[in-house]
C-alpha atoms as a PDB file:
ATOM      1  CA  UNK A   1     -21.288  -0.810 -60.453  1.00  0.00           C
ATOM      2  CA  UNK A   2     -20.276  -1.904 -56.955  1.00  0.00           C
ATOM      3  CA  UNK A   3     -17.624  -4.620 -56.867  1.00  0.00           C
ATOM      4  CA  UNK A   4     -15.668  -6.406 -54.200  1.00  0.00           C
ATOM      5  CA  UNK A   5     -12.057  -5.422 -53.825  1.00  0.00           C
ATOM      6  CA  UNK A   6      -9.528  -8.245 -53.982  1.00  0.00           C
ATOM      7  CA  UNK A   7      -8.968  -8.110 -50.226  1.00  0.00           C
ATOM      8  CA  UNK A   8      -7.823 -11.265 -48.493  1.00  0.00           C
ATOM      9  CA  UNK A   9      -5.796 -11.988 -45.426  1.00  0.00           C
ATOM     10  CA  UNK A  10      -2.159 -12.757 -46.298  1.00  0.00           C
ATOM     11  CA  UNK A  11      -1.089 -16.326 -45.632  1.00  0.00           C
ATOM     12  CA  UNK A  12      -0.435 -16.364 -41.909  1.00  0.00           C
ATOM     13  CA  UNK A  13       2.143 -18.254 -39.907  1.00  0.00           C
ATOM     14  CA  UNK A  14      -0.640 -20.737 -39.062  1.00  0.00           C
ATOM     15  CA  UNK A  15      -0.933 -21.751 -42.724  1.00  0.00           C
ATOM     16  CA  UNK A  16       2.423 -23.528 -42.719  1.00  0.00           C
ATOM     17  CA  UNK A  17       1.753 -27.226 -43.308  1.00  0.00           C
ATOM     18  CA  UNK A  18       3.451 -29.513 -40.763  1.00  0.00           C
ATOM     19  CA  UNK A  19       3.174 -33.141 -39.676  1.00  0.00           C
ATOM     20  CA  UNK A  20       0.589 -31.966 -37.093  1.00  0.00           C
ATOM     21  CA  UNK A  21      -1.660 -30.342 -39.717  1.00  0.00           C
ATOM     22  CA  UNK A  22      -4.954 -32.204 -39.956  1.00  0.00           C
ATOM     23  CA  UNK A  23      -7.201 -29.600 -41.667  1.00  0.00           C
ATOM     24  CA  UNK A  24      -5.873 -27.915 -44.789  1.00  0.00           C
ATOM     25  CA  UNK A  25      -7.422 -25.844 -47.572  1.00  0.00           C
ATOM     26  CA  UNK A  26      -5.844 -24.095 -50.522  1.00  0.00           C
ATOM     27  CA  UNK A  27      -7.768 -21.607 -52.699  1.00  0.00           C
ATOM     28  CA  UNK A  28     -11.012 -23.294 -51.629  1.00  0.00           C
ATOM     29  CA  UNK A  29     -14.070 -22.069 -53.531  1.00  0.00           C
ATOM     30  CA  UNK A  30     -17.762 -22.908 -53.642  1.00  0.00           C
ATOM     31  CA  UNK A  31     -20.216 -21.521 -56.193  1.00  0.00           C
ATOM     32  CA  UNK A  32     -23.969 -22.088 -56.078  1.00  0.00           C
ATOM     33  CA  UNK A  33     -26.296 -21.795 -59.045  1.00  0.00           C
ATOM     34  CA  UNK A  34     -29.496 -20.038 -57.987  1.00  0.00           C
ATOM     35  CA  UNK A  35     -32.596 -19.805 -60.197  1.00  0.00           C
ATOM     36  CA  UNK A  36     -34.349 -16.431 -60.201  1.00  0.00           C
ATOM     37  CA  UNK A  37     -38.060 -16.213 -60.991  1.00  0.00           C
ATOM     38  CA  UNK A  38     -39.337 -13.648 -63.466  1.00  0.00           C
ATOM     39  CA  UNK A  39     -42.121 -11.370 -62.181  1.00  0.00           C
ATOM     40  CA  UNK A  40     -45.768 -11.979 -63.008  1.00  0.00           C
ATOM     41  CA  UNK A  41     -47.766 -15.069 -63.969  1.00  0.00           C
ATOM     42  CA  UNK A  42     -46.382 -15.315 -67.503  1.00  0.00           C
ATOM     43  CA  UNK A  43     -42.902 -14.653 -66.192  1.00  0.00           C
ATOM     44  CA  UNK A  44     -43.310 -17.491 -63.710  1.00  0.00           C
ATOM     45  CA  UNK A  45     -44.416 -19.892 -66.433  1.00  0.00           C
ATOM     46  CA  UNK A  46     -41.530 -18.831 -68.648  1.00  0.00           C
ATOM     47  CA  UNK A  47     -39.099 -19.365 -65.791  1.00  0.00           C
ATOM     48  CA  UNK A  48     -40.177 -23.010 -65.551  1.00  0.00           C
ATOM     49  CA  UNK A  49     -38.752 -23.691 -69.029  1.00  0.00           C
ATOM     50  CA  UNK A  50     -36.111 -20.980 -69.331  1.00  0.00           C
ATOM     51  CA  UNK A  51     -34.995 -19.942 -65.843  1.00  0.00           C
ATOM     52  CA  UNK A  52     -32.643 -17.103 -65.082  1.00  0.00           C
ATOM     53  CA  UNK A  53     -29.688 -18.653 -63.300  1.00  0.00           C
ATOM     54  CA  UNK A  54     -27.292 -16.588 -61.177  1.00  0.00           C
ATOM     55  CA  UNK A  55     -23.992 -17.836 -59.827  1.00  0.00           C
ATOM     56  CA  UNK A  56     -23.356 -16.988 -56.184  1.00  0.00           C
ATOM     57  CA  UNK A  57     -19.771 -17.261 -54.922  1.00  0.00           C
ATOM     58  CA  UNK A  58     -20.181 -18.397 -51.305  1.00  0.00           C
ATOM     59  CA  UNK A  59     -16.516 -19.218 -50.552  1.00  0.00           C
ATOM     60  CA  UNK A  60     -13.762 -17.430 -52.420  1.00  0.00           C
ATOM     61  CA  UNK A  61     -10.193 -18.706 -52.186  1.00  0.00           C
ATOM     62  CA  UNK A  62      -9.999 -19.629 -48.482  1.00  0.00           C
ATOM     63  CA  UNK A  63      -6.614 -20.860 -47.191  1.00  0.00           C
ATOM     64  CA  UNK A  64      -6.657 -22.580 -43.784  1.00  0.00           C
ATOM     65  CA  UNK A  65      -4.232 -24.823 -41.930  1.00  0.00           C
ATOM     66  CA  UNK A  66      -5.201 -26.179 -38.501  1.00  0.00           C
ATOM     67  CA  UNK A  67      -2.939 -28.347 -36.367  1.00  0.00           C
ATOM     68  CA  UNK A  68      -3.876 -31.200 -34.075  1.00  0.00           C
ATOM     69  CA  UNK A  69      -5.223 -30.025 -30.708  1.00  0.00           C
ATOM     70  CA  UNK A  70      -6.076 -26.449 -31.706  1.00  0.00           C
ATOM     71  CA  UNK A  71      -9.340 -24.736 -30.762  1.00  0.00           C
ATOM     72  CA  UNK A  72     -10.173 -22.275 -33.533  1.00  0.00           C
ATOM     73  CA  UNK A  73     -13.136 -19.897 -33.864  1.00  0.00           C
ATOM     74  CA  UNK A  74     -14.494 -19.042 -37.307  1.00  0.00           C
ATOM     75  CA  UNK A  75     -16.361 -15.727 -37.186  1.00  0.00           C
ATOM     76  CA  UNK A  76     -18.267 -13.600 -39.657  1.00  0.00           C
ATOM     77  CA  UNK A  77     -21.679 -12.099 -40.429  1.00  0.00           C
ATOM     78  CA  UNK A  78     -24.631 -14.211 -41.539  1.00  0.00           C
ATOM     79  CA  UNK A  79     -24.043 -15.434 -45.084  1.00  0.00           C
ATOM     80  CA  UNK A  80     -20.292 -14.888 -44.875  1.00  0.00           C
ATOM     81  CA  UNK A  81     -19.436 -18.476 -45.904  1.00  0.00           C
ATOM     82  CA  UNK A  82     -18.585 -20.016 -42.524  1.00  0.00           C
ATOM     83  CA  UNK A  83     -21.067 -22.884 -42.574  1.00  0.00           C
ATOM     84  CA  UNK A  84     -20.391 -23.562 -46.257  1.00  0.00           C
ATOM     85  CA  UNK A  85     -16.685 -23.931 -45.470  1.00  0.00           C
ATOM     86  CA  UNK A  86     -17.417 -26.402 -42.660  1.00  0.00           C
ATOM     87  CA  UNK A  87     -19.762 -28.395 -44.895  1.00  0.00           C
ATOM     88  CA  UNK A  88     -16.967 -28.774 -47.453  1.00  0.00           C
ATOM     89  CA  UNK A  89     -14.592 -29.921 -44.700  1.00  0.00           C
ATOM     90  CA  UNK A  90     -17.099 -32.552 -43.595  1.00  0.00           C
ATOM     91  CA  UNK A  91     -17.806 -33.789 -47.137  1.00  0.00           C
ATOM     92  CA  UNK A  92     -21.442 -32.616 -47.187  1.00  0.00           C
ATOM     93  CA  UNK A  93     -20.641 -30.185 -50.023  1.00  0.00           C
ATOM     94  CA  UNK A  94     -18.251 -30.687 -52.926  1.00  0.00           C
ATOM     95  CA  UNK A  95     -15.832 -27.773 -53.575  1.00  0.00           C
ATOM     96  CA  UNK A  96     -16.219 -25.999 -56.912  1.00  0.00           C
ATOM     97  CA  UNK A  97     -12.434 -25.615 -57.068  1.00  0.00           C
ATOM     98  CA  UNK A  98      -9.374 -25.611 -54.850  1.00  0.00           C
ATOM     99  CA  UNK A  99      -8.274 -28.152 -52.273  1.00  0.00           C
ATOM    100  CA  UNK A 100      -9.786 -29.317 -48.985  1.00  0.00           C
ATOM    101  CA  UNK A 101      -8.042 -32.051 -47.026  1.00  0.00           C
ATOM    102  CA  UNK A 102      -8.734 -33.545 -43.595  1.00  0.00           C
ATOM    103  CA  UNK A 103      -6.278 -36.161 -42.306  1.00  0.00           C
ATOM    104  CA  UNK A 104      -4.693 -35.987 -45.766  1.00  0.00           C
ATOM    105  CA  UNK A 105      -7.955 -37.121 -47.399  1.00  0.00           C
ATOM    106  CA  UNK A 106     -10.520 -35.286 -49.511  1.00  0.00           C
ATOM    107  CA  UNK A 107     -13.740 -35.361 -47.433  1.00  0.00           C
ATOM    108  CA  UNK A 108     -16.156 -35.485 -50.380  1.00  0.00           C
ATOM    109  CA  UNK A 109     -14.274 -38.410 -51.964  1.00  0.00           C
ATOM    110  CA  UNK A 110     -13.481 -40.410 -48.823  1.00  0.00           C
ATOM    111  CA  UNK A 111     -16.498 -39.550 -46.688  1.00  0.00           C
ATOM    112  CA  UNK A 112     -16.692 -42.800 -44.748  1.00  0.00           C
ATOM    113  CA  UNK A 113     -13.024 -42.775 -43.720  1.00  0.00           C
ATOM    114  CA  UNK A 114     -13.181 -39.106 -42.708  1.00  0.00           C
ATOM    115  CA  UNK A 115     -16.518 -39.509 -40.898  1.00  0.00           C
ATOM    116  CA  UNK A 116     -15.031 -42.192 -38.658  1.00  0.00           C
ATOM    117  CA  UNK A 117     -12.532 -39.625 -37.354  1.00  0.00           C
ATOM    118  CA  UNK A 118     -14.702 -36.518 -37.008  1.00  0.00           C
ATOM    119  CA  UNK A 119     -17.757 -35.335 -35.075  1.00  0.00           C
ATOM    120  CA  UNK A 120     -20.207 -32.623 -36.148  1.00  0.00           C
ATOM    121  CA  UNK A 121     -22.758 -30.595 -34.201  1.00  0.00           C
ATOM    122  CA  UNK A 122     -25.043 -28.129 -35.964  1.00  0.00           C
ATOM    123  CA  UNK A 123     -26.775 -25.963 -33.356  1.00  0.00           C
ATOM    124  CA  UNK A 124     -30.052 -25.718 -35.271  1.00  0.00           C
ATOM    125  CA  UNK A 125     -30.189 -29.389 -36.320  1.00  0.00           C
ATOM    126  CA  UNK A 126     -29.909 -32.679 -34.498  1.00  0.00           C
ATOM    127  CA  UNK A 127     -28.570 -36.146 -35.279  1.00  0.00           C
ATOM    128  CA  UNK A 128     -30.749 -37.667 -32.556  1.00  0.00           C
ATOM    129  CA  UNK A 129     -33.933 -39.625 -33.302  1.00  0.00           C
ATOM    130  CA  UNK A 130     -36.860 -37.364 -32.421  1.00  0.00           C
ATOM    131  CA  UNK A 131     -39.278 -39.941 -30.973  1.00  0.00           C
ATOM    132  CA  UNK A 132     -36.728 -42.172 -29.243  1.00  0.00           C
ATOM    133  CA  UNK A 133     -35.294 -41.783 -25.752  1.00  0.00           C
ATOM    134  CA  UNK A 134     -31.814 -40.287 -25.760  1.00  0.00           C
ATOM    135  CA  UNK A 135     -30.319 -43.596 -24.621  1.00  0.00           C
ATOM    136  CA  UNK A 136     -31.730 -45.384 -27.690  1.00  0.00           C
ATOM    137  CA  UNK A 137     -30.235 -42.772 -30.031  1.00  0.00           C
ATOM    138  CA  UNK A 138     -26.837 -43.445 -28.474  1.00  0.00           C
ATOM    139  CA  UNK A 139     -27.313 -47.201 -28.932  1.00  0.00           C
ATOM    140  CA  UNK A 140     -28.161 -46.734 -32.620  1.00  0.00           C
ATOM    141  CA  UNK A 141     -25.063 -44.594 -33.123  1.00  0.00           C
ATOM    142  CA  UNK A 142     -22.983 -47.312 -31.455  1.00  0.00           C
ATOM    143  CA  UNK A 143     -24.006 -49.724 -34.216  1.00  0.00           C
ATOM    144  CA  UNK A 144     -23.616 -47.147 -36.989  1.00  0.00           C
ATOM    145  CA  UNK A 145     -20.028 -46.354 -35.950  1.00  0.00           C
ATOM    146  CA  UNK A 146     -19.319 -49.940 -34.871  1.00  0.00           C
ATOM    147  CA  UNK A 147     -18.068 -48.839 -31.472  1.00  0.00           C
ATOM    148  CA  UNK A 148     -16.818 -51.736 -29.297  1.00  0.00           C
ATOM    149  CA  UNK A 149     -19.114 -52.282 -26.262  1.00  0.00           C
ATOM    150  CA  UNK A 150     -16.410 -51.609 -23.669  1.00  0.00           C
ATOM    151  CA  UNK A 151     -15.324 -48.375 -25.364  1.00  0.00           C
ATOM    152  CA  UNK A 152     -18.960 -47.286 -25.725  1.00  0.00           C
ATOM    153  CA  UNK A 153     -19.696 -47.924 -22.039  1.00  0.00           C
ATOM    154  CA  UNK A 154     -16.546 -46.040 -21.008  1.00  0.00           C
ATOM    155  CA  UNK A 155     -17.412 -42.988 -23.123  1.00  0.00           C
ATOM    156  CA  UNK A 156     -21.040 -43.017 -21.990  1.00  0.00           C
ATOM    157  CA  UNK A 157     -19.980 -42.991 -18.335  1.00  0.00           C
ATOM    158  CA  UNK A 158     -17.646 -40.034 -18.913  1.00  0.00           C
ATOM    159  CA  UNK A 159     -20.105 -37.986 -20.973  1.00  0.00           C
ATOM    160  CA  UNK A 160     -23.026 -38.725 -18.638  1.00  0.00           C
ATOM    161  CA  UNK A 161     -20.937 -37.354 -15.779  1.00  0.00           C
ATOM    162  CA  UNK A 162     -19.460 -34.294 -17.522  1.00  0.00           C
ATOM    163  CA  UNK A 163     -22.682 -33.313 -19.329  1.00  0.00           C
ATOM    164  CA  UNK A 164     -25.053 -34.420 -16.541  1.00  0.00           C
ATOM    165  CA  UNK A 165     -27.163 -36.599 -18.866  1.00  0.00           C
ATOM    166  CA  UNK A 166     -28.549 -38.923 -16.180  1.00  0.00           C
ATOM    167  CA  UNK A 167     -31.682 -36.927 -15.373  1.00  0.00           C
ATOM    168  CA  UNK A 168     -33.023 -37.043 -18.965  1.00  0.00           C
ATOM    169  CA  UNK A 169     -31.247 -39.913 -20.740  1.00  0.00           C
ATOM    170  CA  UNK A 170     -34.479 -41.982 -20.837  1.00  0.00           C
ATOM    171  CA  UNK A 171     -36.620 -39.057 -22.061  1.00  0.00           C
ATOM    172  CA  UNK A 172     -37.711 -38.895 -25.736  1.00  0.00           C
ATOM    173  CA  UNK A 173     -35.670 -36.316 -27.629  1.00  0.00           C
ATOM    174  CA  UNK A 174     -38.780 -34.334 -28.625  1.00  0.00           C
ATOM    175  CA  UNK A 175     -39.464 -33.657 -24.925  1.00  0.00           C
ATOM    176  CA  UNK A 176     -35.978 -32.316 -24.147  1.00  0.00           C
ATOM    177  CA  UNK A 177     -35.234 -28.645 -23.644  1.00  0.00           C
ATOM    178  CA  UNK A 178     -32.858 -26.984 -26.106  1.00  0.00           C
ATOM    179  CA  UNK A 179     -29.999 -27.114 -23.625  1.00  0.00           C
ATOM    180  CA  UNK A 180     -30.594 -30.804 -22.866  1.00  0.00           C
ATOM    181  CA  UNK A 181     -30.777 -31.668 -26.560  1.00  0.00           C
ATOM    182  CA  UNK A 182     -27.532 -29.808 -27.251  1.00  0.00           C
ATOM    183  CA  UNK A 183     -25.754 -31.764 -24.511  1.00  0.00           C
ATOM    184  CA  UNK A 184     -27.156 -34.951 -26.022  1.00  0.00           C
ATOM    185  CA  UNK A 185     -25.931 -33.913 -29.490  1.00  0.00           C
ATOM    186  CA  UNK A 186     -22.437 -33.243 -28.131  1.00  0.00           C
ATOM    187  CA  UNK A 187     -22.282 -36.681 -26.531  1.00  0.00           C
ATOM    188  CA  UNK A 188     -23.604 -38.302 -29.734  1.00  0.00           C
ATOM    189  CA  UNK A 189     -20.936 -36.580 -31.840  1.00  0.00           C
ATOM    190  CA  UNK A 190     -18.158 -37.828 -29.561  1.00  0.00           C
ATOM    191  CA  UNK A 191     -19.150 -41.429 -28.822  1.00  0.00           C
ATOM    192  CA  UNK A 192     -16.744 -42.798 -31.452  1.00  0.00           C
ATOM    193  CA  UNK A 193     -13.737 -40.776 -30.175  1.00  0.00           C
ATOM    194  CA  UNK A 194     -13.321 -38.373 -33.129  1.00  0.00           C
ATOM    195  CA  UNK A 195     -10.074 -36.481 -33.542  1.00  0.00           C
ATOM    196  CA  UNK A 196     -11.803 -33.387 -34.966  1.00  0.00           C
ATOM    197  CA  UNK A 197     -15.016 -31.751 -33.775  1.00  0.00           C
ATOM    198  CA  UNK A 198     -16.883 -29.221 -35.936  1.00  0.00           C
ATOM    199  CA  UNK A 199     -19.330 -27.024 -34.031  1.00  0.00           C
ATOM    200  CA  UNK A 200     -21.712 -24.739 -35.931  1.00  0.00           C
ATOM    201  CA  UNK A 201     -23.246 -22.322 -33.398  1.00  0.00           C
ATOM    202  CA  UNK A 202     -23.460 -24.911 -30.595  1.00  0.00           C
ATOM    203  CA  UNK A 203     -24.697 -22.466 -27.918  1.00  0.00           C
ATOM    204  CA  UNK A 204     -27.382 -20.717 -29.986  1.00  0.00           C
ATOM    205  CA  UNK A 205     -30.519 -20.177 -27.896  1.00  0.00           C
ATOM    206  CA  UNK A 206     -29.032 -21.696 -24.727  1.00  0.00           C
ATOM    207  CA  UNK A 207     -29.414 -20.129 -21.300  1.00  0.00           C
ATOM    208  CA  UNK A 208     -26.429 -19.067 -19.192  1.00  0.00           C
ATOM    209  CA  UNK A 209     -26.234 -22.327 -17.219  1.00  0.00           C
ATOM    210  CA  UNK A 210     -26.419 -24.520 -20.341  1.00  0.00           C
ATOM    211  CA  UNK A 211     -23.746 -22.437 -22.084  1.00  0.00           C
ATOM    212  CA  UNK A 212     -21.427 -22.812 -19.110  1.00  0.00           C
ATOM    213  CA  UNK A 213     -21.853 -26.604 -19.110  1.00  0.00           C
ATOM    214  CA  UNK A 214     -21.156 -26.856 -22.833  1.00  0.00           C
ATOM    215  CA  UNK A 215     -18.067 -24.620 -22.660  1.00  0.00           C
ATOM    216  CA  UNK A 216     -16.644 -26.444 -19.638  1.00  0.00           C
ATOM    217  CA  UNK A 217     -17.159 -29.784 -21.371  1.00  0.00           C
ATOM    218  CA  UNK A 218     -15.373 -28.610 -24.535  1.00  0.00           C
ATOM    219  CA  UNK A 219     -12.426 -27.290 -22.531  1.00  0.00           C
ATOM    220  CA  UNK A 220     -12.141 -30.608 -20.694  1.00  0.00           C
ATOM    221  CA  UNK A 221     -12.411 -32.532 -23.962  1.00  0.00           C
ATOM    222  CA  UNK A 222      -9.611 -30.555 -25.583  1.00  0.00           C
ATOM    223  CA  UNK A 223      -7.380 -30.703 -22.525  1.00  0.00           C
ATOM    224  CA  UNK A 224      -7.788 -34.413 -21.752  1.00  0.00           C
ATOM    225  CA  UNK A 225      -8.186 -35.907 -25.248  1.00  0.00           C
ATOM    226  CA  UNK A 226      -6.507 -33.336 -27.501  1.00  0.00           C
ATOM    227  CA  UNK A 227      -9.558 -33.079 -29.754  1.00  0.00           C
ATOM    228  CA  UNK A 228      -9.207 -30.397 -32.439  1.00  0.00           C
ATOM    229  CA  UNK A 229     -12.184 -28.020 -32.436  1.00  0.00           C
ATOM    230  CA  UNK A 230     -13.358 -25.714 -35.230  1.00  0.00           C
ATOM    231  CA  UNK A 231     -16.161 -23.514 -33.952  1.00  0.00           C
ATOM    232  CA  UNK A 232     -18.481 -21.055 -35.697  1.00  0.00           C
ATOM    233  CA  UNK A 233     -20.445 -18.737 -33.448  1.00  0.00           C
ATOM    234  CA  UNK A 234     -21.935 -15.282 -33.028  1.00  0.00           C
ATOM    235  CA  UNK A 235     -21.448 -15.454 -29.256  1.00  0.00           C
ATOM    236  CA  UNK A 236     -18.223 -13.666 -28.394  1.00  0.00           C
ATOM    237  CA  UNK A 237     -18.186 -15.306 -24.957  1.00  0.00           C
ATOM    238  CA  UNK A 238     -17.656 -18.671 -26.700  1.00  0.00           C
ATOM    239  CA  UNK A 239     -14.580 -17.232 -28.401  1.00  0.00           C
ATOM    240  CA  UNK A 240     -13.095 -15.668 -25.272  1.00  0.00           C
ATOM    241  CA  UNK A 241     -13.633 -18.795 -23.166  1.00  0.00           C
ATOM    242  CA  UNK A 242     -12.587 -21.444 -25.678  1.00  0.00           C
ATOM    243  CA  UNK A 243     -10.395 -20.255 -28.543  1.00  0.00           C
ATOM    244  CA  UNK A 244      -6.938 -18.745 -28.839  1.00  0.00           C
ATOM    245  CA  UNK A 245      -7.087 -18.333 -32.618  1.00  0.00           C
ATOM    246  CA  UNK A 246      -9.601 -16.555 -34.859  1.00  0.00           C
ATOM    247  CA  UNK A 247     -10.548 -16.929 -38.500  1.00  0.00           C
ATOM    248  CA  UNK A 248     -12.693 -14.056 -39.791  1.00  0.00           C
ATOM    249  CA  UNK A 249     -14.604 -14.647 -43.027  1.00  0.00           C
ATOM    250  CA  UNK A 250     -16.733 -12.116 -44.910  1.00  0.00           C
ATOM    251  CA  UNK A 251     -18.112 -12.224 -48.454  1.00  0.00           C
ATOM    252  CA  UNK A 252     -16.599 -15.721 -48.679  1.00  0.00           C
ATOM    253  CA  UNK A 253     -13.050 -14.458 -48.113  1.00  0.00           C
ATOM    254  CA  UNK A 254     -10.679 -15.065 -45.240  1.00  0.00           C
ATOM    255  CA  UNK A 255      -9.908 -11.588 -43.910  1.00  0.00           C
ATOM    256  CA  UNK A 256      -8.028 -12.464 -40.734  1.00  0.00           C
ATOM    257  CA  UNK A 257      -6.182 -15.461 -39.315  1.00  0.00           C
ATOM    258  CA  UNK A 258      -4.437 -14.950 -35.995  1.00  0.00           C
ATOM    259  CA  UNK A 259      -4.790 -14.505 -32.256  1.00  0.00           C
ATOM    260  CA  UNK A 260      -7.466 -12.511 -30.474  1.00  0.00           C
ATOM    261  CA  UNK A 261      -4.839 -10.195 -29.004  1.00  0.00           C
ATOM    262  CA  UNK A 262      -3.332  -9.429 -32.402  1.00  0.00           C
ATOM    263  CA  UNK A 263      -6.780  -8.797 -33.870  1.00  0.00           C
ATOM    264  CA  UNK A 264      -7.441  -6.122 -31.269  1.00  0.00           C
ATOM    265  CA  UNK A 265      -4.414  -4.295 -32.677  1.00  0.00           C
ATOM    266  CA  UNK A 266      -6.186  -3.921 -36.040  1.00  0.00           C
ATOM    267  CA  UNK A 267      -8.788  -1.558 -34.568  1.00  0.00           C
ATOM    268  CA  UNK A 268      -8.787   1.447 -32.277  1.00  0.00           C
ATOM    269  CA  UNK A 269     -11.675   0.259 -30.102  1.00  0.00           C
ATOM    270  CA  UNK A 270     -10.630  -0.772 -26.562  1.00  0.00           C
ATOM    271  CA  UNK A 271     -14.065  -1.999 -25.445  1.00  0.00           C
ATOM    272  CA  UNK A 272     -15.484  -5.502 -25.343  1.00  0.00           C
ATOM    273  CA  UNK A 273     -14.703  -8.189 -27.886  1.00  0.00           C
ATOM    274  CA  UNK A 274     -18.117  -7.552 -29.448  1.00  0.00           C
ATOM    275  CA  UNK A 275     -17.202  -3.873 -29.891  1.00  0.00           C
ATOM    276  CA  UNK A 276     -13.859  -4.865 -31.390  1.00  0.00           C
ATOM    277  CA  UNK A 277     -15.474  -7.240 -33.856  1.00  0.00           C
ATOM    278  CA  UNK A 278     -18.079  -4.678 -34.893  1.00  0.00           C
ATOM    279  CA  UNK A 279     -15.353  -2.118 -35.579  1.00  0.00           C
ATOM    280  CA  UNK A 280     -13.375  -4.705 -37.547  1.00  0.00           C
ATOM    281  CA  UNK A 281     -16.406  -5.636 -39.687  1.00  0.00           C
ATOM    282  CA  UNK A 282     -17.226  -1.999 -40.396  1.00  0.00           C
ATOM    283  CA  UNK A 283     -13.675  -1.222 -41.415  1.00  0.00           C
ATOM    284  CA  UNK A 284     -13.230  -4.246 -43.658  1.00  0.00           C
ATOM    285  CA  UNK A 285     -16.664  -3.750 -45.250  1.00  0.00           C
ATOM    286  CA  UNK A 286     -15.655  -0.244 -46.317  1.00  0.00           C
ATOM    287  CA  UNK A 287     -12.456  -1.649 -47.815  1.00  0.00           C
ATOM    288  CA  UNK A 288     -14.222  -4.520 -49.579  1.00  0.00           C
ATOM    289  CA  UNK A 289     -16.814  -2.342 -51.328  1.00  0.00           C
ATOM    290  CA  UNK A 290     -15.020   0.034 -53.683  1.00  0.00           C
END
């Protein structure tokens, strides 16, 4: 029988909780119950009344501490548990056990209070209204978040300039290109001045020009407003351009928490960051499966 070794990253220096800590997890776990269908017609009918239920451990004892103003990349293969972790930090999912706190609050219990202070962008989903012009989506979000008119106008002017929204702000969302929609989603997530921004693969499918605009905007946002950013991505250029700290998750476990430079010291490869990450994954996978 193949089993996973009890391999986790030791608690790093970043995990120390200070007055600046705004995202904190301790032994965070999430288990999903998945029904499995029996083969054949009779098996399918039997499964309706007596299903086979498997428990899948998606996140397994993750410890994270992120301070105000940090830009952190969360990396890992597909199905590693990255998006599940972010969904627990936003309050979308309820942890099976352990602790998740944002601004000292539990996101799944105090969702409204946490939502007022965070922004979320999922690269393959949108919070914009599909048939409405982009401008109307922004207006609806202004009422949802109860943003004062003067503050809303100020933020719109800044985001329209930095993200170059003017040429398509009156176009229905369904007619926007992927890059235009992503810029619209970024503006929508930031209209209410959140202190934390969660980005789940924000540059997926974007061309080189669109990626550059998004990255430049995020750098400006962090520098000028001190917004804390937690980013998941498979694009190593996002990591090199934006983040000074890496979290590497695989099989639901936090395997590494530290700087990019220190991570390179864990492998012998001296090539690109993509080569370094591939070598790291291969090495840790061999150690996990024993």
